[in-house]
Amino acid sequence: MDNTTLIITGAGLIVGFAEAMIYYNIGANKGKENFQIQTPKGTELLETVGIVIVTSLATAALSNMLEKKFSNKIVTPAIA
């Protein structure tokens, strides 16, 4: 695994987990008067982390595949 893939996967893990926690807290606090930051416990936490890992690896694989596909092509921005 090259550095680019590791960077993409690591960034995906961090951003993905942060996003998952935001959505979790929105759902956990729905209908409550006072918003409290919470972390899922037990199985729910493991499921959340598992989903984040899988989607981060999928993002890295897709990015790597697209980079290889387009690395031989020179991309120039269109000027309007």
C-alpha atoms as a PDB file:
ATOM      1  CA  MET A   1       0.000   0.000   0.000  1.00  0.00           C
ATOM      2  CA  ASP A   2       1.503   3.346  -1.006  1.00  0.00           C
ATOM      3  CA  ASN A   3       1.505   6.595   0.984  1.00  0.00           C
ATOM      4  CA  THR A   4      -1.359   8.124  -0.986  1.00  0.00           C
ATOM      5  CA  THR A   5      -3.627   5.196  -0.159  1.00  0.00           C
ATOM      6  CA  LEU A   6      -2.652   5.345   3.509  1.00  0.00           C
ATOM      7  CA  ILE A   7      -3.305   9.093   3.638  1.00  0.00           C
ATOM      8  CA  ILE A   8      -6.693   8.760   1.942  1.00  0.00           C
ATOM      9  CA  THR A   9      -7.688   5.863   4.198  1.00  0.00           C
ATOM     10  CA  GLY A  10      -6.542   7.658   7.361  1.00  0.00           C
ATOM     11  CA  ALA A  11      -8.288  10.874   6.434  1.00  0.00           C
ATOM     12  CA  GLY A  12     -11.401   8.902   5.518  1.00  0.00           C
ATOM     13  CA  LEU A  13     -11.372   7.188   8.902  1.00  0.00           C
ATOM     14  CA  ILE A  14     -11.094  10.456  10.795  1.00  0.00           C
ATOM     15  CA  VAL A  15     -13.674  12.351   8.756  1.00  0.00           C
ATOM     16  CA  GLY A  16     -15.987   9.338   8.558  1.00  0.00           C
ATOM     17  CA  PHE A  17     -15.951   8.776  12.309  1.00  0.00           C
ATOM     18  CA  ALA A  18     -16.580  12.474  12.979  1.00  0.00           C
ATOM     19  CA  GLU A  19     -19.482  12.428  10.528  1.00  0.00           C
ATOM     20  CA  ALA A  20     -20.904   9.266  12.112  1.00  0.00           C
ATOM     21  CA  MET A  21     -20.755  10.875  15.558  1.00  0.00           C
ATOM     22  CA  ILE A  22     -22.550  13.985  14.290  1.00  0.00           C
ATOM     23  CA  TYR A  23     -25.375  11.903  12.810  1.00  0.00           C
ATOM     24  CA  TYR A  24     -25.516   9.712  15.909  1.00  0.00           C
ATOM     25  CA  ASN A  25     -25.881  12.741  18.161  1.00  0.00           C
ATOM     26  CA  ILE A  26     -28.515  14.323  15.946  1.00  0.00           C
ATOM     27  CA  GLY A  27     -30.584  11.132  16.211  1.00  0.00           C
ATOM     28  CA  ALA A  28     -29.887  10.569  19.910  1.00  0.00           C
ATOM     29  CA  ASN A  29     -30.940  14.126  20.763  1.00  0.00           C
ATOM     30  CA  LYS A  30     -34.022  14.312  18.546  1.00  0.00           C
ATOM     31  CA  GLY A  31     -36.931  15.720  20.498  1.00  0.00           C
ATOM     32  CA  LYS A  32     -34.809  16.602  23.532  1.00  0.00           C
ATOM     33  CA  GLU A  33     -34.706  20.125  24.867  1.00  0.00           C
ATOM     34  CA  ASN A  34     -30.999  20.107  25.788  1.00  0.00           C
ATOM     35  CA  PHE A  35     -28.475  18.817  23.255  1.00  0.00           C
ATOM     36  CA  GLN A  36     -25.917  16.497  24.867  1.00  0.00           C
ATOM     37  CA  ILE A  37     -22.935  15.001  23.040  1.00  0.00           C
ATOM     38  CA  GLN A  38     -22.958  11.224  23.389  1.00  0.00           C
ATOM     39  CA  THR A  39     -20.917   8.273  22.149  1.00  0.00           C
ATOM     40  CA  PRO A  40     -22.527   4.975  21.210  1.00  0.00           C
ATOM     41  CA  LYS A  41     -21.768   2.094  23.549  1.00  0.00           C
ATOM     42  CA  GLY A  42     -20.994  -1.595  23.047  1.00  0.00           C
ATOM     43  CA  THR A  43     -22.246  -3.255  19.886  1.00  0.00           C
ATOM     44  CA  GLU A  44     -23.533   0.012  18.434  1.00  0.00           C
ATOM     45  CA  LEU A  45     -20.043   1.539  18.694  1.00  0.00           C
ATOM     46  CA  LEU A  46     -18.463  -1.524  17.062  1.00  0.00           C
ATOM     47  CA  GLU A  47     -21.000  -1.424  14.227  1.00  0.00           C
ATOM     48  CA  THR A  48     -20.354   2.286  13.683  1.00  0.00           C
ATOM     49  CA  VAL A  49     -16.573   1.845  13.644  1.00  0.00           C
ATOM     50  CA  GLY A  50     -16.917  -1.155  11.309  1.00  0.00           C
ATOM     51  CA  ILE A  51     -19.004   0.811   8.819  1.00  0.00           C
ATOM     52  CA  VAL A  52     -16.548   3.719   8.924  1.00  0.00           C
ATOM     53  CA  ILE A  53     -13.603   1.362   8.286  1.00  0.00           C
ATOM     54  CA  VAL A  54     -15.340  -0.341   5.356  1.00  0.00           C
ATOM     55  CA  THR A  55     -16.361   2.944   3.714  1.00  0.00           C
ATOM     56  CA  SER A  56     -12.880   4.426   4.239  1.00  0.00           C
ATOM     57  CA  LEU A  57     -11.254   1.402   2.599  1.00  0.00           C
ATOM     58  CA  ALA A  58     -13.760   1.586  -0.257  1.00  0.00           C
ATOM     59  CA  THR A  59     -12.970   5.285  -0.733  1.00  0.00           C
ATOM     60  CA  ALA A  60      -9.230   4.558  -0.787  1.00  0.00           C
ATOM     61  CA  ALA A  61      -9.666   1.711  -3.276  1.00  0.00           C
ATOM     62  CA  LEU A  62     -11.844   3.820  -5.564  1.00  0.00           C
ATOM     63  CA  SER A  63      -9.462   6.792  -5.343  1.00  0.00           C
ATOM     64  CA  ASN A  64      -6.490   4.551  -6.092  1.00  0.00           C
ATOM     65  CA  MET A  65      -8.285   2.987  -9.063  1.00  0.00           C
ATOM     66  CA  LEU A  66      -9.287   6.390 -10.486  1.00  0.00           C
ATOM     67  CA  GLU A  67      -5.780   7.777  -9.971  1.00  0.00           C
ATOM     68  CA  LYS A  68      -4.268   4.865 -11.910  1.00  0.00           C
ATOM     69  CA  LYS A  69      -6.855   5.204 -14.669  1.00  0.00           C
ATOM     70  CA  PHE A  70      -6.301   8.926 -15.169  1.00  0.00           C
ATOM     71  CA  SER A  71      -2.601   9.217 -14.291  1.00  0.00           C
ATOM     72  CA  ASN A  72      -1.530   8.889 -17.924  1.00  0.00           C
ATOM     73  CA  LYS A  73      -3.896  11.585 -19.109  1.00  0.00           C
ATOM     74  CA  ILE A  74      -3.016  15.248 -18.781  1.00  0.00           C
ATOM     75  CA  VAL A  75      -5.948  17.207 -17.446  1.00  0.00           C
ATOM     76  CA  THR A  76      -6.116  20.890 -18.306  1.00  0.00           C
ATOM     77  CA  PRO A  77      -8.832  23.102 -16.884  1.00  0.00           C
ATOM     78  CA  ALA A  78     -11.325  24.536 -19.319  1.00  0.00           C
ATOM     79  CA  ILE A  79     -11.214  28.309 -19.582  1.00  0.00           C
ATOM     80  CA  ALA A  80     -14.572  29.885 -20.292  1.00  0.00           C
END
